[in-house]
C-alpha atoms as a PDB file:
ATOM      1  CA  MET A   1     167.370 -90.570  -2.841  1.00  0.00           C
ATOM      2  CA  LYS A   2     167.598 -89.751  -5.823  1.00  0.00           C
ATOM      3  CA  ASN A   3     167.887 -86.339  -7.780  1.00  0.00           C
ATOM      4  CA  VAL A   4     166.622 -85.912 -11.177  1.00  0.00           C
ATOM      5  CA  ILE A   5     167.232 -83.602 -13.691  1.00  0.00           C
ATOM      6  CA  ILE A   6     164.671 -83.563 -16.610  1.00  0.00           C
ATOM      7  CA  THR A   7     164.735 -80.726 -19.873  1.00  0.00           C
ATOM      8  CA  GLY A   8     162.074 -80.588 -21.966  1.00  0.00           C
ATOM      9  CA  THR A   9     158.955 -81.900 -20.035  1.00  0.00           C
ATOM     10  CA  SER A  10     156.479 -79.784 -20.979  1.00  0.00           C
ATOM     11  CA  ARG A  11     154.871 -82.350 -23.426  1.00  0.00           C
ATOM     12  CA  GLY A  12     156.079 -85.600 -24.665  1.00  0.00           C
ATOM     13  CA  ILE A  13     158.581 -87.931 -23.122  1.00  0.00           C
ATOM     14  CA  GLY A  14     159.680 -85.816 -20.924  1.00  0.00           C
ATOM     15  CA  TYR A  15     155.957 -84.707 -19.288  1.00  0.00           C
ATOM     16  CA  GLU A  16     155.457 -88.736 -18.945  1.00  0.00           C
ATOM     17  CA  LEU A  17     159.103 -88.798 -16.966  1.00  0.00           C
ATOM     18  CA  VAL A  18     158.148 -86.353 -14.285  1.00  0.00           C
ATOM     19  CA  PRO A  19     155.240 -88.232 -13.141  1.00  0.00           C
ATOM     20  CA  LEU A  20     157.379 -91.971 -13.158  1.00  0.00           C
ATOM     21  CA  PHE A  21     160.312 -90.558 -10.706  1.00  0.00           C
ATOM     22  CA  THR A  22     158.445 -88.148  -8.905  1.00  0.00           C
ATOM     23  CA  ASP A  23     155.449 -91.950  -8.400  1.00  0.00           C
ATOM     24  CA  ALA A  24     159.117 -93.791  -7.219  1.00  0.00           C
ATOM     25  CA  GLY A  25     160.041 -91.175  -4.352  1.00  0.00           C
ATOM     26  CA  TYR A  26     163.027 -88.982  -6.761  1.00  0.00           C
ATOM     27  CA  ASN A  27     162.753 -85.848  -6.337  1.00  0.00           C
ATOM     28  CA  VAL A  28     162.788 -83.943  -9.757  1.00  0.00           C
ATOM     29  CA  LEU A  29     163.952 -80.276 -11.273  1.00  0.00           C
ATOM     30  CA  ALA A  30     161.504 -80.846 -14.301  1.00  0.00           C
ATOM     31  CA  LEU A  31     163.060 -77.491 -16.869  1.00  0.00           C
ATOM     32  CA  SER A  32     160.836 -75.578 -19.933  1.00  0.00           C
ATOM     33  CA  ARG A  33     160.428 -72.804 -21.302  1.00  0.00           C
ATOM     34  CA  ASN A  34     156.180 -73.844 -20.464  1.00  0.00           C
ATOM     35  CA  SER A  35     155.973 -74.702 -16.403  1.00  0.00           C
ATOM     36  CA  ALA A  36     151.967 -74.551 -16.986  1.00  0.00           C
ATOM     37  CA  PRO A  37     151.469 -78.674 -17.789  1.00  0.00           C
ATOM     38  CA  ILE A  38     153.929 -79.827 -15.042  1.00  0.00           C
ATOM     39  CA  SER A  39     152.690 -77.343 -12.722  1.00  0.00           C
ATOM     40  CA  ASN A  40     149.299 -78.314 -13.006  1.00  0.00           C
ATOM     41  CA  ILE A  41     149.175 -81.429 -11.234  1.00  0.00           C
ATOM     42  CA  ASN A  42     151.177 -81.018  -8.647  1.00  0.00           C
ATOM     43  CA  LEU A  43     153.799 -83.489  -8.094  1.00  0.00           C
ATOM     44  CA  ASP A  44     155.021 -84.577  -4.153  1.00  0.00           C
ATOM     45  CA  GLY A  45     159.362 -83.922  -5.070  1.00  0.00           C
ATOM     46  CA  CYS A  46     159.122 -81.530  -8.129  1.00  0.00           C
ATOM     47  CA  THR A  47     160.704 -78.549  -8.092  1.00  0.00           C
ATOM     48  CA  ILE A  48     159.215 -76.733 -11.268  1.00  0.00           C
ATOM     49  CA  PHE A  49     160.118 -73.339 -12.919  1.00  0.00           C
ATOM     50  CA  PRO A  50     160.802 -71.796 -16.220  1.00  0.00           C
ATOM     51  CA  PHE A  51     163.679 -73.160 -18.204  1.00  0.00           C
ATOM     52  CA  ASP A  52     165.082 -71.658 -21.876  1.00  0.00           C
ATOM     53  CA  ILE A  53     168.494 -74.115 -22.745  1.00  0.00           C
ATOM     54  CA  THR A  54     169.627 -71.558 -24.520  1.00  0.00           C
ATOM     55  CA  ASP A  55     169.648 -68.884 -21.928  1.00  0.00           C
ATOM     56  CA  SER A  56     172.963 -67.988 -20.240  1.00  0.00           C
ATOM     57  CA  LYS A  57     170.930 -66.955 -17.455  1.00  0.00           C
ATOM     58  CA  ASP A  58     168.478 -70.078 -17.112  1.00  0.00           C
ATOM     59  CA  ILE A  59     171.603 -72.493 -17.042  1.00  0.00           C
ATOM     60  CA  LEU A  60     172.898 -70.639 -13.923  1.00  0.00           C
ATOM     61  CA  MET A  61     169.948 -70.739 -12.279  1.00  0.00           C
ATOM     62  CA  VAL A  62     169.852 -74.351 -12.422  1.00  0.00           C
ATOM     63  CA  SER A  63     173.178 -74.794 -10.625  1.00  0.00           C
ATOM     64  CA  GLN A  64     172.041 -72.339  -8.005  1.00  0.00           C
ATOM     65  CA  PHE A  65     169.606 -74.410  -7.519  1.00  0.00           C
ATOM     66  CA  VAL A  66     171.545 -77.949  -7.278  1.00  0.00           C
ATOM     67  CA  LYS A  67     174.217 -76.149  -5.478  1.00  0.00           C
ATOM     68  CA  GLU A  68     172.292 -74.574  -2.914  1.00  0.00           C
ATOM     69  CA  ASN A  69     169.205 -77.587  -2.457  1.00  0.00           C
ATOM     70  CA  TRP A  70     170.669 -81.155  -3.913  1.00  0.00           C
ATOM     71  CA  LYS A  71     174.499 -80.495  -3.343  1.00  0.00           C
ATOM     72  CA  GLN A  72     174.509 -83.349  -6.181  1.00  0.00           C
ATOM     73  CA  VAL A  73     172.590 -84.635  -8.901  1.00  0.00           C
ATOM     74  CA  ASP A  74     172.518 -88.359  -9.877  1.00  0.00           C
ATOM     75  CA  ILE A  75     170.741 -88.265 -13.275  1.00  0.00           C
ATOM     76  CA  LEU A  76     170.677 -85.294 -16.014  1.00  0.00           C
ATOM     77  CA  ILE A  77     168.118 -86.094 -18.868  1.00  0.00           C
ATOM     78  CA  ASN A  78     168.635 -84.021 -21.756  1.00  0.00           C
ATOM     79  CA  ASN A  79     165.219 -84.383 -23.068  1.00  0.00           C
ATOM     80  CA  SER A  80     164.774 -81.195 -24.856  1.00  0.00           C
ATOM     81  CA  GLY A  81     164.591 -80.857 -28.449  1.00  0.00           C
ATOM     82  CA  ALA A  82     163.756 -78.027 -31.284  1.00  0.00           C
ATOM     83  CA  LEU A  83     162.952 -80.122 -34.947  1.00  0.00           C
ATOM     84  CA  ILE A  84     162.100 -77.613 -38.151  1.00  0.00           C
ATOM     85  CA  ASN A  85     160.828 -79.561 -41.007  1.00  0.00           C
ATOM     86  CA  LYS A  86     161.628 -78.086 -44.316  1.00  0.00           C
ATOM     87  CA  PRO A  87     163.334 -78.946 -47.351  1.00  0.00           C
ATOM     88  CA  PHE A  88     167.125 -77.940 -46.992  1.00  0.00           C
ATOM     89  CA  ALA A  89     166.721 -75.181 -50.244  1.00  0.00           C
ATOM     90  CA  LYS A  90     164.101 -73.098 -47.845  1.00  0.00           C
ATOM     91  CA  THR A  91     166.223 -73.747 -44.321  1.00  0.00           C
ATOM     92  CA  SER A  92     168.158 -70.752 -43.965  1.00  0.00           C
ATOM     93  CA  ILE A  93     171.653 -71.048 -41.207  1.00  0.00           C
ATOM     94  CA  ASP A  94     168.776 -69.151 -38.805  1.00  0.00           C
ATOM     95  CA  ASP A  95     167.022 -72.481 -38.794  1.00  0.00           C
ATOM     96  CA  PHE A  96     170.226 -74.010 -38.652  1.00  0.00           C
ATOM     97  CA  ILE A  97     171.503 -71.938 -35.564  1.00  0.00           C
ATOM     98  CA  SER A  98     167.604 -72.433 -33.368  1.00  0.00           C
ATOM     99  CA  VAL A  99     168.335 -76.141 -33.650  1.00  0.00           C
ATOM    100  CA  TYR A 100     171.784 -76.041 -33.155  1.00  0.00           C
ATOM    101  CA  GLU A 101     171.189 -74.108 -29.936  1.00  0.00           C
ATOM    102  CA  VAL A 102     168.665 -75.626 -28.698  1.00  0.00           C
ATOM    103  CA  ASN A 103     169.750 -79.155 -29.788  1.00  0.00           C
ATOM    104  CA  VAL A 104     173.794 -79.230 -29.138  1.00  0.00           C
ATOM    105  CA  PHE A 105     174.594 -75.547 -27.594  1.00  0.00           C
ATOM    106  CA  GLY A 106     172.455 -76.012 -25.027  1.00  0.00           C
ATOM    107  CA  THR A 107     172.556 -78.937 -24.099  1.00  0.00           C
ATOM    108  CA  ALA A 108     176.357 -78.668 -23.964  1.00  0.00           C
ATOM    109  CA  ALA A 109     176.181 -75.363 -21.479  1.00  0.00           C
ATOM    110  CA  LEU A 110     173.542 -77.467 -19.713  1.00  0.00           C
ATOM    111  CA  THR A 111     176.053 -80.726 -18.896  1.00  0.00           C
ATOM    112  CA  LYS A 112     179.118 -78.485 -18.034  1.00  0.00           C
ATOM    113  CA  ALA A 113     177.284 -76.940 -15.714  1.00  0.00           C
ATOM    114  CA  ILE A 114     175.967 -80.138 -13.754  1.00  0.00           C
ATOM    115  CA  LEU A 115     178.554 -82.132 -14.070  1.00  0.00           C
ATOM    116  CA  PRO A 116     180.998 -81.037 -10.964  1.00  0.00           C
ATOM    117  CA  PHE A 117     177.846 -81.889  -8.770  1.00  0.00           C
ATOM    118  CA  MET A 118     178.149 -85.281 -10.746  1.00  0.00           C
ATOM    119  CA  LYS A 119     180.121 -88.193  -9.315  1.00  0.00           C
ATOM    120  CA  LYS A 120     180.685 -91.232 -11.309  1.00  0.00           C
ATOM    121  CA  ASP A 121     177.937 -93.165 -10.444  1.00  0.00           C
ATOM    122  CA  GLY A 122     175.976 -90.640 -12.435  1.00  0.00           C
ATOM    123  CA  HIS A 123     173.870 -90.908 -15.558  1.00  0.00           C
ATOM    124  CA  VAL A 124     173.891 -88.224 -19.011  1.00  0.00           C
ATOM    125  CA  VAL A 125     171.485 -89.520 -20.734  1.00  0.00           C
ATOM    126  CA  ASN A 126     171.110 -87.565 -24.415  1.00  0.00           C
ATOM    127  CA  ILE A 127     168.072 -87.893 -26.039  1.00  0.00           C
ATOM    128  CA  SER A 128     168.893 -88.447 -29.428  1.00  0.00           C
ATOM    129  CA  SER A 129     166.840 -89.779 -32.966  1.00  0.00           C
ATOM    130  CA  MET A 130     168.000 -92.587 -35.440  1.00  0.00           C
ATOM    131  CA  GLY A 131     167.426 -89.653 -37.547  1.00  0.00           C
ATOM    132  CA  GLY A 132     171.077 -89.041 -35.875  1.00  0.00           C
ATOM    133  CA  VAL A 133     173.334 -92.447 -36.463  1.00  0.00           C
ATOM    134  CA  GLN A 134     175.014 -93.073 -39.474  1.00  0.00           C
ATOM    135  CA  GLY A 135     173.668 -95.052 -41.802  1.00  0.00           C
ATOM    136  CA  SER A 136     170.066 -94.725 -40.569  1.00  0.00           C
ATOM    137  CA  VAL A 137     166.880 -94.275 -43.168  1.00  0.00           C
ATOM    138  CA  LYS A 138     167.059 -90.571 -44.006  1.00  0.00           C
ATOM    139  CA  PHE A 139     163.533 -88.460 -43.724  1.00  0.00           C
ATOM    140  CA  PRO A 140     163.125 -84.709 -46.238  1.00  0.00           C
ATOM    141  CA  GLY A 141     163.772 -82.301 -44.504  1.00  0.00           C
ATOM    142  CA  LEU A 142     165.688 -82.795 -41.526  1.00  0.00           C
ATOM    143  CA  SER A 143     168.593 -81.224 -42.950  1.00  0.00           C
ATOM    144  CA  ALA A 144     168.400 -79.236 -39.543  1.00  0.00           C
ATOM    145  CA  TYR A 145     167.082 -81.663 -36.640  1.00  0.00           C
ATOM    146  CA  SER A 146     168.938 -84.421 -37.824  1.00  0.00           C
ATOM    147  CA  SER A 147     172.591 -83.052 -38.176  1.00  0.00           C
ATOM    148  CA  SER A 148     171.891 -81.493 -34.762  1.00  0.00           C
ATOM    149  CA  LYS A 149     171.553 -84.911 -33.418  1.00  0.00           C
ATOM    150  CA  GLY A 150     174.142 -86.250 -35.480  1.00  0.00           C
ATOM    151  CA  ALA A 151     176.411 -84.154 -33.742  1.00  0.00           C
ATOM    152  CA  LEU A 152     174.683 -84.677 -30.042  1.00  0.00           C
ATOM    153  CA  ILE A 153     175.437 -88.704 -30.714  1.00  0.00           C
ATOM    154  CA  THR A 154     179.241 -87.313 -31.131  1.00  0.00           C
ATOM    155  CA  LEU A 155     179.223 -85.261 -27.854  1.00  0.00           C
ATOM    156  CA  THR A 156     178.101 -88.431 -26.086  1.00  0.00           C
ATOM    157  CA  GLU A 157     180.631 -90.396 -27.239  1.00  0.00           C
ATOM    158  CA  LEU A 158     182.907 -87.938 -26.585  1.00  0.00           C
ATOM    159  CA  LEU A 159     182.063 -87.148 -23.265  1.00  0.00           C
ATOM    160  CA  ALA A 160     182.230 -90.931 -22.061  1.00  0.00           C
ATOM    161  CA  GLU A 161     185.929 -91.050 -23.153  1.00  0.00           C
ATOM    162  CA  GLU A 162     186.954 -87.337 -21.135  1.00  0.00           C
ATOM    163  CA  TYR A 163     185.445 -89.284 -18.222  1.00  0.00           C
ATOM    164  CA  LYS A 164     185.885 -92.501 -17.720  1.00  0.00           C
ATOM    165  CA  GLU A 165     187.214 -92.333 -15.366  1.00  0.00           C
ATOM    166  CA  THR A 166     186.502 -89.722 -13.255  1.00  0.00           C
ATOM    167  CA  GLY A 167     182.655 -90.502 -13.834  1.00  0.00           C
ATOM    168  CA  PRO A 168     179.551 -89.685 -15.082  1.00  0.00           C
ATOM    169  CA  SER A 169     178.404 -92.006 -17.587  1.00  0.00           C
ATOM    170  CA  PHE A 170     177.114 -90.524 -21.187  1.00  0.00           C
ATOM    171  CA  ASN A 171     175.250 -92.704 -23.413  1.00  0.00           C
ATOM    172  CA  ALA A 172     172.752 -91.432 -25.784  1.00  0.00           C
ATOM    173  CA  LEU A 173     168.958 -93.090 -26.996  1.00  0.00           C
ATOM    174  CA  ALA A 174     168.197 -93.025 -30.573  1.00  0.00           C
ATOM    175  CA  LEU A 175     164.421 -92.766 -30.577  1.00  0.00           C
ATOM    176  CA  GLY A 176     162.253 -93.668 -33.771  1.00  0.00           C
ATOM    177  CA  ALA A 177     159.147 -92.026 -34.229  1.00  0.00           C
ATOM    178  CA  VAL A 178     157.629 -91.659 -31.016  1.00  0.00           C
ATOM    179  CA  GLN A 179     153.668 -90.196 -31.183  1.00  0.00           C
ATOM    180  CA  THR A 180     154.419 -86.664 -29.525  1.00  0.00           C
ATOM    181  CA  GLU A 181     152.859 -83.311 -29.666  1.00  0.00           C
ATOM    182  CA  MET A 182     156.393 -82.907 -31.845  1.00  0.00           C
ATOM    183  CA  LEU A 183     156.049 -85.441 -34.260  1.00  0.00           C
ATOM    184  CA  GLU A 184     152.944 -84.546 -34.973  1.00  0.00           C
ATOM    185  CA  GLU A 185     153.649 -81.245 -35.630  1.00  0.00           C
ATOM    186  CA  ALA A 186     156.237 -81.247 -37.842  1.00  0.00           C
ATOM    187  CA  PHE A 187     154.659 -84.779 -39.249  1.00  0.00           C
ATOM    188  CA  PRO A 188     150.363 -84.129 -39.606  1.00  0.00           C
ATOM    189  CA  GLY A 189     148.135 -87.055 -39.825  1.00  0.00           C
ATOM    190  CA  PHE A 190     151.636 -89.588 -38.715  1.00  0.00           C
ATOM    191  CA  ASN A 191     150.392 -91.777 -36.688  1.00  0.00           C
ATOM    192  CA  ALA A 192     153.973 -93.154 -34.269  1.00  0.00           C
ATOM    193  CA  THR A 193     153.328 -97.339 -32.649  1.00  0.00           C
ATOM    194  CA  VAL A 194     155.275 -96.352 -30.125  1.00  0.00           C
ATOM    195  CA  SER A 195     153.422 -93.854 -27.471  1.00  0.00           C
ATOM    196  CA  ALA A 196     155.412 -91.483 -24.780  1.00  0.00           C
ATOM    197  CA  GLU A 197     154.029 -92.758 -21.779  1.00  0.00           C
ATOM    198  CA  GLU A 198     155.689 -96.200 -23.296  1.00  0.00           C
ATOM    199  CA  MET A 199     158.814 -94.379 -24.781  1.00  0.00           C
ATOM    200  CA  ALA A 200     159.445 -92.744 -20.785  1.00  0.00           C
ATOM    201  CA  LYS A 201     158.876 -95.836 -19.384  1.00  0.00           C
ATOM    202  CA  TYR A 202     161.843 -97.032 -21.077  1.00  0.00           C
ATOM    203  CA  ILE A 203     164.470 -93.887 -21.295  1.00  0.00           C
ATOM    204  CA  MET A 204     163.358 -93.830 -17.048  1.00  0.00           C
ATOM    205  CA  GLN A 205     165.147 -97.812 -16.048  1.00  0.00           C
ATOM    206  CA  PHE A 206     167.690 -96.445 -18.174  1.00  0.00           C
ATOM    207  CA  SER A 207     168.692 -93.854 -16.784  1.00  0.00           C
ATOM    208  CA  LEU A 208     168.291 -95.795 -13.754  1.00  0.00           C
ATOM    209  CA  SER A 209     169.974 -98.666 -14.590  1.00  0.00           C
ATOM    210  CA  GLY A 210     171.837 -98.796 -17.919  1.00  0.00           C
ATOM    211  CA  HIS A 211     175.147 -96.979 -16.618  1.00  0.00           C
ATOM    212  CA  GLN A 212     175.570-100.216 -15.488  1.00  0.00           C
ATOM    213  CA  MET A 213     175.991-101.718 -18.372  1.00  0.00           C
ATOM    214  CA  TYR A 214     176.788 -99.292 -20.633  1.00  0.00           C
ATOM    215  CA  ASN A 215     179.293 -95.710 -21.353  1.00  0.00           C
ATOM    216  CA  GLY A 216     179.494 -93.872 -24.532  1.00  0.00           C
ATOM    217  CA  LYS A 217     176.811 -96.439 -26.337  1.00  0.00           C
ATOM    218  CA  VAL A 218     174.495 -95.139 -28.764  1.00  0.00           C
ATOM    219  CA  LEU A 219     171.067 -97.752 -28.522  1.00  0.00           C
ATOM    220  CA  GLN A 220     168.996 -97.437 -31.444  1.00  0.00           C
ATOM    221  CA  LEU A 221     165.495 -97.621 -30.020  1.00  0.00           C
ATOM    222  CA  SER A 222     162.297 -99.330 -32.272  1.00  0.00           C
ATOM    223  CA  LEU A 223     158.397-101.096 -31.111  1.00  0.00           C
ATOM    224  CA  ILE A 224     160.702-104.070 -30.591  1.00  0.00           C
ATOM    225  CA  HIS A 225     163.292-103.488 -27.916  1.00  0.00           C
ATOM    226  CA  ILE A 226     160.379-101.293 -26.670  1.00  0.00           C
ATOM    227  CA  SER A 227     158.554-104.663 -26.072  1.00  0.00           C
ATOM    228  CA  GLU A 228     161.395-106.927 -25.158  1.00  0.00           C
END
């Protein structure tokens, strides 16, 4: 039975991922600052506790849990994210730091803590954004968010190279607009053509088998990819 860690599970794609994995018989560690939404649906095979990816004590707590209960992690999905939509002139350095602490530094810290428990056939999936892809269409107001997601893509490529002999595999999924609470907060009234549930189904399948074909890759996801 595979053991799966998912961050950012209180809403959106992360929330949808958890029951998909538990219904398929996997053990899931669901991590988010607000653990109540997942706790309220009583899933078998799911362990839940409040988790702040920017807090070193919480990251240590996760590694201790794995060491004492699982011994091994098969899949790590770094899904948690922070987004600020402000004109660059009004985006403070503290804004940049708060976004990077979640999207880059926290993701790196959690990955580093979990790597000792992953084997060659393990898979780390980093959830990035089309806004972080070089040459993609960019949107004003997302200087902190999109640049942090670009950094996450580069980190993915570097880790894949560094661990290519021993594993695990590292891949990034660059998501286009998905109808989530975070999108609604950042862009009120905008309607995406892909639901959180649809994207979660794709991410689940990719996390289970994508590393058999890809390592160190960035897959750009749009509606056409989801429907194929």
